[in-house]
Amino acid sequence: MGFIERPYCEKLGTPFVSEMGEGLLSPAAIADPPAYDRARAAARFSDVARDLVHLLKYGDRLDLAAPLGGWMARAGRELLADADAMVPVPLHWSRLFQRRYNQSAILARELSRIAKVPVEDDILLRTRATRPQVGLARKERARNVQGAFAIAPGARIRVKGKKLVVIDDVLTSGATADACARILRRAGAVRVDMLVLARVVNFE
């Protein structure tokens, strides 16, 4: 499965090859800081993790949410400890209609059951249908999600002054995570962290 354990970058959550001391940032985090505060992932996006994500996402294997949520809760323990709420990355209504469920919301509900942190699944809206990110380069991914998210009408009061954890299945280039974090920051969130099942390491 390729679980991610310490040592890792305190901001990006990407693993280090060897122990370098606590609180260190990776060169990538220093050179190009993300819009979110911290990211944590349960595992590397390996073949096994890819298969599990695809089964949950496209194969109606909702029974996988329990074990996957357990792994995420363990990886994100420090993020969830004082979080006010979790915010799943939303799907556009057209894709939600096709898929019938949002895998990020399913994982968030399982995490809520474990960590006792409420889920706010109606704060963020996906305002336009974007191309699938698979196969896109880093800059293309950023352009693809630019302007794709917004705060739901009347939801700013539930964002201002809050510590939020954005939930998604996979973190690749960080384009989606950054887009969501920027919107939540502008709405007044004091902290925005990212918790995913799996993350790609060394994405170009």
C-alpha atoms as a PDB file:
ATOM      1  CA  MET A   1       0.000   0.000   0.000  1.00  0.00           C
ATOM      2  CA  GLY A   2       2.932   2.366   0.550  1.00  0.00           C
ATOM      3  CA  PHE A   3       1.716   4.095   3.711  1.00  0.00           C
ATOM      4  CA  ILE A   4       3.351   7.473   4.367  1.00  0.00           C
ATOM      5  CA  GLU A   5       5.049   7.720   7.744  1.00  0.00           C
ATOM      6  CA  ARG A   6       7.365  10.298   9.291  1.00  0.00           C
ATOM      7  CA  PRO A   7       9.753  11.802   8.403  1.00  0.00           C
ATOM      8  CA  TYR A   8       7.913  14.014   5.933  1.00  0.00           C
ATOM      9  CA  CYS A   9       7.596  17.662   4.960  1.00  0.00           C
ATOM     10  CA  GLU A  10       5.481  19.406   7.575  1.00  0.00           C
ATOM     11  CA  LYS A  11       3.659  21.461   4.933  1.00  0.00           C
ATOM     12  CA  LEU A  12       3.256  19.140   1.935  1.00  0.00           C
ATOM     13  CA  GLY A  13       3.292  15.829   3.773  1.00  0.00           C
ATOM     14  CA  THR A  14       5.703  14.381   1.202  1.00  0.00           C
ATOM     15  CA  PRO A  15       8.061  11.760   2.670  1.00  0.00           C
ATOM     16  CA  PHE A  16      11.756  12.356   3.205  1.00  0.00           C
ATOM     17  CA  VAL A  17      14.262   9.631   2.378  1.00  0.00           C
ATOM     18  CA  SER A  18      15.919   9.912   5.795  1.00  0.00           C
ATOM     19  CA  GLU A  19      15.302  11.525   9.180  1.00  0.00           C
ATOM     20  CA  MET A  20      16.096  15.241   8.989  1.00  0.00           C
ATOM     21  CA  GLY A  21      14.599  16.511  12.222  1.00  0.00           C
ATOM     22  CA  GLU A  22      11.122  17.700  13.096  1.00  0.00           C
ATOM     23  CA  GLY A  23       9.390  20.661  11.505  1.00  0.00           C
ATOM     24  CA  LEU A  24      11.435  20.737   8.317  1.00  0.00           C
ATOM     25  CA  LEU A  25      10.042  21.786   4.957  1.00  0.00           C
ATOM     26  CA  SER A  26      10.898  20.214   1.634  1.00  0.00           C
ATOM     27  CA  PRO A  27      12.575  22.270  -1.116  1.00  0.00           C
ATOM     28  CA  ALA A  28       9.291  22.154  -3.063  1.00  0.00           C
ATOM     29  CA  ALA A  29       7.356  23.675  -0.142  1.00  0.00           C
ATOM     30  CA  ILE A  30       9.901  26.473   0.203  1.00  0.00           C
ATOM     31  CA  ALA A  31      10.195  27.239  -3.515  1.00  0.00           C
ATOM     32  CA  ASP A  32       6.454  27.095  -4.276  1.00  0.00           C
ATOM     33  CA  PRO A  33       4.392  27.272  -1.056  1.00  0.00           C
ATOM     34  CA  PRO A  34       0.852  25.913  -1.390  1.00  0.00           C
ATOM     35  CA  ALA A  35      -2.281  27.922  -0.587  1.00  0.00           C
ATOM     36  CA  TYR A  36      -3.207  25.454   2.163  1.00  0.00           C
ATOM     37  CA  ASP A  37      -1.418  25.233   5.513  1.00  0.00           C
ATOM     38  CA  ARG A  38      -0.636  21.506   5.719  1.00  0.00           C
ATOM     39  CA  ALA A  39      -1.365  18.383   3.710  1.00  0.00           C
ATOM     40  CA  ARG A  40      -1.431  14.804   4.915  1.00  0.00           C
ATOM     41  CA  ALA A  41      -1.997  11.596   2.961  1.00  0.00           C
ATOM     42  CA  ALA A  42      -2.411   8.043   4.158  1.00  0.00           C
ATOM     43  CA  ALA A  43      -0.360   6.549   1.335  1.00  0.00           C
ATOM     44  CA  ARG A  44       1.587   7.118  -1.858  1.00  0.00           C
ATOM     45  CA  PHE A  45      -0.476   6.922  -5.036  1.00  0.00           C
ATOM     46  CA  SER A  46       0.823   3.493  -6.028  1.00  0.00           C
ATOM     47  CA  ASP A  47      -0.882   0.791  -8.117  1.00  0.00           C
ATOM     48  CA  VAL A  48      -2.688  -0.531  -5.042  1.00  0.00           C
ATOM     49  CA  ALA A  49      -3.903   2.904  -3.958  1.00  0.00           C
ATOM     50  CA  ARG A  50      -5.000   3.676  -7.546  1.00  0.00           C
ATOM     51  CA  ASP A  51      -7.051   0.483  -7.684  1.00  0.00           C
ATOM     52  CA  LEU A  52      -8.745   1.277  -4.361  1.00  0.00           C
ATOM     53  CA  VAL A  53      -9.543   4.838  -5.426  1.00  0.00           C
ATOM     54  CA  HIS A  54     -11.008   3.653  -8.732  1.00  0.00           C
ATOM     55  CA  LEU A  55     -13.133   1.017  -6.998  1.00  0.00           C
ATOM     56  CA  LEU A  56     -14.552   3.614  -4.616  1.00  0.00           C
ATOM     57  CA  LYS A  57     -14.911   6.297  -7.284  1.00  0.00           C
ATOM     58  CA  TYR A  58     -16.256   4.345 -10.230  1.00  0.00           C
ATOM     59  CA  GLY A  59     -17.024   0.841  -8.968  1.00  0.00           C
ATOM     60  CA  ASP A  60     -19.728   1.575  -6.372  1.00  0.00           C
ATOM     61  CA  ARG A  61     -17.536  -0.029  -3.696  1.00  0.00           C
ATOM     62  CA  LEU A  62     -18.799   2.199  -0.902  1.00  0.00           C
ATOM     63  CA  ASP A  63     -17.916  -0.555   1.563  1.00  0.00           C
ATOM     64  CA  LEU A  64     -14.289   0.521   1.121  1.00  0.00           C
ATOM     65  CA  ALA A  65     -15.004   3.874   2.797  1.00  0.00           C
ATOM     66  CA  ALA A  66     -14.635   2.384   6.296  1.00  0.00           C
ATOM     67  CA  PRO A  67     -11.070   1.033   5.963  1.00  0.00           C
ATOM     68  CA  LEU A  68      -9.937   3.919   3.767  1.00  0.00           C
ATOM     69  CA  GLY A  69     -11.407   6.444   6.193  1.00  0.00           C
ATOM     70  CA  GLY A  70      -9.608   4.701   9.038  1.00  0.00           C
ATOM     71  CA  TRP A  71      -6.265   5.067   7.285  1.00  0.00           C
ATOM     72  CA  MET A  72      -6.980   8.735   6.575  1.00  0.00           C
ATOM     73  CA  ALA A  73      -7.982   9.396  10.183  1.00  0.00           C
ATOM     74  CA  ARG A  74      -4.663   7.972  11.337  1.00  0.00           C
ATOM     75  CA  ALA A  75      -2.676  10.034   8.816  1.00  0.00           C
ATOM     76  CA  GLY A  76      -4.582  13.222   9.597  1.00  0.00           C
ATOM     77  CA  ARG A  77      -4.829  12.905  13.355  1.00  0.00           C
ATOM     78  CA  GLU A  78      -3.022  16.206  14.025  1.00  0.00           C
ATOM     79  CA  LEU A  79      -5.137  18.067  11.450  1.00  0.00           C
ATOM     80  CA  LEU A  80      -8.417  16.777  12.836  1.00  0.00           C
ATOM     81  CA  ALA A  81      -7.512  17.275  16.505  1.00  0.00           C
ATOM     82  CA  ASP A  82      -8.723  20.879  16.666  1.00  0.00           C
ATOM     83  CA  ALA A  83     -10.533  21.266  13.330  1.00  0.00           C
ATOM     84  CA  ASP A  84     -13.939  22.950  13.320  1.00  0.00           C
ATOM     85  CA  ALA A  85     -15.197  21.117  10.249  1.00  0.00           C
ATOM     86  CA  MET A  86     -14.287  19.046   7.211  1.00  0.00           C
ATOM     87  CA  VAL A  87     -15.107  20.262   3.705  1.00  0.00           C
ATOM     88  CA  PRO A  88     -15.225  17.660   0.910  1.00  0.00           C
ATOM     89  CA  VAL A  89     -14.038  18.774  -2.518  1.00  0.00           C
ATOM     90  CA  PRO A  90     -17.321  19.153  -4.438  1.00  0.00           C
ATOM     91  CA  LEU A  91     -18.298  17.664  -7.781  1.00  0.00           C
ATOM     92  CA  HIS A  92     -20.099  19.665 -10.429  1.00  0.00           C
ATOM     93  CA  TRP A  93     -23.811  18.787 -10.425  1.00  0.00           C
ATOM     94  CA  SER A  94     -23.536  17.174 -13.859  1.00  0.00           C
ATOM     95  CA  ARG A  95     -20.780  14.796 -12.736  1.00  0.00           C
ATOM     96  CA  LEU A  96     -22.578  14.095  -9.471  1.00  0.00           C
ATOM     97  CA  PHE A  97     -25.672  13.157 -11.481  1.00  0.00           C
ATOM     98  CA  GLN A  98     -23.623  10.714 -13.573  1.00  0.00           C
ATOM     99  CA  ARG A  99     -21.699   9.181 -10.656  1.00  0.00           C
ATOM    100  CA  ARG A 100     -24.585   9.380  -8.121  1.00  0.00           C
ATOM    101  CA  TYR A 101     -22.262  10.144  -5.197  1.00  0.00           C
ATOM    102  CA  ASN A 102     -19.202  12.215  -4.313  1.00  0.00           C
ATOM    103  CA  GLN A 103     -16.383   9.945  -3.145  1.00  0.00           C
ATOM    104  CA  SER A 104     -14.792  12.803  -1.176  1.00  0.00           C
ATOM    105  CA  ALA A 105     -18.031  13.349   0.757  1.00  0.00           C
ATOM    106  CA  ILE A 106     -18.280   9.604   1.431  1.00  0.00           C
ATOM    107  CA  LEU A 107     -14.758   9.606   2.889  1.00  0.00           C
ATOM    108  CA  ALA A 108     -15.507  12.759   4.904  1.00  0.00           C
ATOM    109  CA  ARG A 109     -18.578  11.157   6.486  1.00  0.00           C
ATOM    110  CA  GLU A 110     -16.526   8.126   7.493  1.00  0.00           C
ATOM    111  CA  LEU A 111     -13.851  10.405   8.947  1.00  0.00           C
ATOM    112  CA  SER A 112     -16.543  12.286  10.856  1.00  0.00           C
ATOM    113  CA  ARG A 113     -17.745   9.043  12.387  1.00  0.00           C
ATOM    114  CA  ILE A 114     -14.201   8.238  13.549  1.00  0.00           C
ATOM    115  CA  ALA A 115     -12.856  11.668  14.525  1.00  0.00           C
ATOM    116  CA  LYS A 116     -16.136  13.335  15.614  1.00  0.00           C
ATOM    117  CA  VAL A 117     -15.490  16.354  13.378  1.00  0.00           C
ATOM    118  CA  PRO A 118     -18.581  17.651  11.546  1.00  0.00           C
ATOM    119  CA  VAL A 119     -18.820  17.651   7.750  1.00  0.00           C
ATOM    120  CA  GLU A 120     -19.835  20.831   5.928  1.00  0.00           C
ATOM    121  CA  ASP A 121     -20.593  19.494   2.451  1.00  0.00           C
ATOM    122  CA  ASP A 122     -22.548  22.516   1.253  1.00  0.00           C
ATOM    123  CA  ILE A 123     -19.970  25.261   1.841  1.00  0.00           C
ATOM    124  CA  LEU A 124     -17.974  24.840  -1.373  1.00  0.00           C
ATOM    125  CA  LEU A 125     -19.610  24.756  -4.791  1.00  0.00           C
ATOM    126  CA  ARG A 126     -18.129  23.631  -8.091  1.00  0.00           C
ATOM    127  CA  THR A 127     -19.454  26.321 -10.370  1.00  0.00           C
ATOM    128  CA  ARG A 128     -18.408  24.805 -13.680  1.00  0.00           C
ATOM    129  CA  ALA A 129     -17.665  21.374 -15.050  1.00  0.00           C
ATOM    130  CA  THR A 130     -13.913  20.939 -15.476  1.00  0.00           C
ATOM    131  CA  ARG A 131     -12.000  18.494 -17.619  1.00  0.00           C
ATOM    132  CA  PRO A 132     -10.736  15.404 -15.793  1.00  0.00           C
ATOM    133  CA  GLN A 133      -7.305  16.214 -14.382  1.00  0.00           C
ATOM    134  CA  VAL A 134      -5.838  12.854 -15.427  1.00  0.00           C
ATOM    135  CA  GLY A 135      -3.172  13.316 -18.075  1.00  0.00           C
ATOM    136  CA  LEU A 136      -2.810  17.077 -17.601  1.00  0.00           C
ATOM    137  CA  ALA A 137       0.510  18.714 -16.756  1.00  0.00           C
ATOM    138  CA  ARG A 138       0.877  20.883 -13.651  1.00  0.00           C
ATOM    139  CA  LYS A 139       0.151  24.214 -15.366  1.00  0.00           C
ATOM    140  CA  GLU A 140      -2.771  22.704 -17.280  1.00  0.00           C
ATOM    141  CA  ARG A 141      -4.263  21.403 -14.036  1.00  0.00           C
ATOM    142  CA  ALA A 142      -4.049  24.853 -12.457  1.00  0.00           C
ATOM    143  CA  ARG A 143      -5.736  26.474 -15.470  1.00  0.00           C
ATOM    144  CA  ASN A 144      -8.390  23.752 -15.526  1.00  0.00           C
ATOM    145  CA  VAL A 145      -9.634  24.500 -11.993  1.00  0.00           C
ATOM    146  CA  GLN A 146      -9.121  28.271 -12.068  1.00  0.00           C
ATOM    147  CA  GLY A 147     -12.416  29.887 -11.101  1.00  0.00           C
ATOM    148  CA  ALA A 148     -14.123  26.500 -10.750  1.00  0.00           C
ATOM    149  CA  PHE A 149     -15.010  26.845  -7.041  1.00  0.00           C
ATOM    150  CA  ALA A 150     -17.062  29.310  -5.007  1.00  0.00           C
ATOM    151  CA  ILE A 151     -18.527  29.721  -1.533  1.00  0.00           C
ATOM    152  CA  ALA A 152     -22.212  28.839  -1.425  1.00  0.00           C
ATOM    153  CA  PRO A 153     -24.596  31.758  -0.850  1.00  0.00           C
ATOM    154  CA  GLY A 154     -24.970  32.414   2.874  1.00  0.00           C
ATOM    155  CA  ALA A 155     -22.154  30.022   3.825  1.00  0.00           C
ATOM    156  CA  ARG A 156     -19.467  32.599   4.650  1.00  0.00           C
ATOM    157  CA  ILE A 157     -20.619  32.794   8.253  1.00  0.00           C
ATOM    158  CA  ARG A 158     -19.701  29.104   8.610  1.00  0.00           C
ATOM    159  CA  VAL A 159     -16.233  29.723   7.194  1.00  0.00           C
ATOM    160  CA  LYS A 160     -15.086  32.937   8.865  1.00  0.00           C
ATOM    161  CA  GLY A 161     -12.710  32.292  11.747  1.00  0.00           C
ATOM    162  CA  LYS A 162     -12.831  28.497  11.298  1.00  0.00           C
ATOM    163  CA  LYS A 163     -10.130  25.836  11.076  1.00  0.00           C
ATOM    164  CA  LEU A 164     -11.108  23.649   8.128  1.00  0.00           C
ATOM    165  CA  VAL A 165      -9.827  20.389   6.660  1.00  0.00           C
ATOM    166  CA  VAL A 166     -10.512  19.863   2.966  1.00  0.00           C
ATOM    167  CA  ILE A 167     -11.094  16.198   2.101  1.00  0.00           C
ATOM    168  CA  ASP A 168     -10.276  14.583  -1.258  1.00  0.00           C
ATOM    169  CA  ASP A 169      -9.318  11.151  -2.543  1.00  0.00           C
ATOM    170  CA  VAL A 170      -6.032  11.985  -4.312  1.00  0.00           C
ATOM    171  CA  LEU A 171      -3.591  14.903  -4.259  1.00  0.00           C
ATOM    172  CA  THR A 172      -1.524  15.099  -7.440  1.00  0.00           C
ATOM    173  CA  SER A 173      -0.167  18.511  -8.402  1.00  0.00           C
ATOM    174  CA  GLY A 174      -2.099  20.336  -5.688  1.00  0.00           C
ATOM    175  CA  ALA A 175      -4.067  22.488  -8.169  1.00  0.00           C
ATOM    176  CA  THR A 176      -7.485  21.502  -6.810  1.00  0.00           C
ATOM    177  CA  ALA A 177      -6.279  21.773  -3.208  1.00  0.00           C
ATOM    178  CA  ASP A 178      -4.873  25.251  -3.827  1.00  0.00           C
ATOM    179  CA  ALA A 179      -8.047  26.415  -5.586  1.00  0.00           C
ATOM    180  CA  CYS A 180     -10.243  25.261  -2.702  1.00  0.00           C
ATOM    181  CA  ALA A 181      -7.908  26.683  -0.052  1.00  0.00           C
ATOM    182  CA  ARG A 182      -7.804  30.114  -1.714  1.00  0.00           C
ATOM    183  CA  ILE A 183     -11.590  30.345  -1.829  1.00  0.00           C
ATOM    184  CA  LEU A 184     -11.927  29.321   1.830  1.00  0.00           C
ATOM    185  CA  ARG A 185      -9.168  31.741   2.890  1.00  0.00           C
ATOM    186  CA  ARG A 186     -10.867  34.615   1.098  1.00  0.00           C
ATOM    187  CA  ALA A 187     -14.068  33.740   2.937  1.00  0.00           C
ATOM    188  CA  GLY A 188     -12.250  34.144   6.267  1.00  0.00           C
ATOM    189  CA  ALA A 189     -11.011  30.679   7.259  1.00  0.00           C
ATOM    190  CA  VAL A 190      -8.071  31.011   9.669  1.00  0.00           C
ATOM    191  CA  ARG A 191      -6.579  27.660   8.691  1.00  0.00           C
ATOM    192  CA  VAL A 192      -7.100  25.346   5.747  1.00  0.00           C
ATOM    193  CA  ASP A 193      -5.481  21.913   5.778  1.00  0.00           C
ATOM    194  CA  MET A 194      -5.726  19.117   3.219  1.00  0.00           C
ATOM    195  CA  LEU A 195      -6.343  15.437   4.009  1.00  0.00           C
ATOM    196  CA  VAL A 196      -6.377  12.814   1.257  1.00  0.00           C
ATOM    197  CA  LEU A 197      -6.245   9.067   0.921  1.00  0.00           C
ATOM    198  CA  ALA A 198      -3.255   9.081  -1.417  1.00  0.00           C
ATOM    199  CA  ARG A 199      -0.834  11.583  -2.883  1.00  0.00           C
ATOM    200  CA  VAL A 200       1.454  11.527  -5.876  1.00  0.00           C
ATOM    201  CA  VAL A 201       5.061  12.087  -4.907  1.00  0.00           C
ATOM    202  CA  ASN A 202       7.354  14.029  -7.260  1.00  0.00           C
ATOM    203  CA  PHE A 203       4.628  15.028  -9.736  1.00  0.00           C
ATOM    204  CA  GLU A 204       6.039  16.984 -12.695  1.00  0.00           C
END
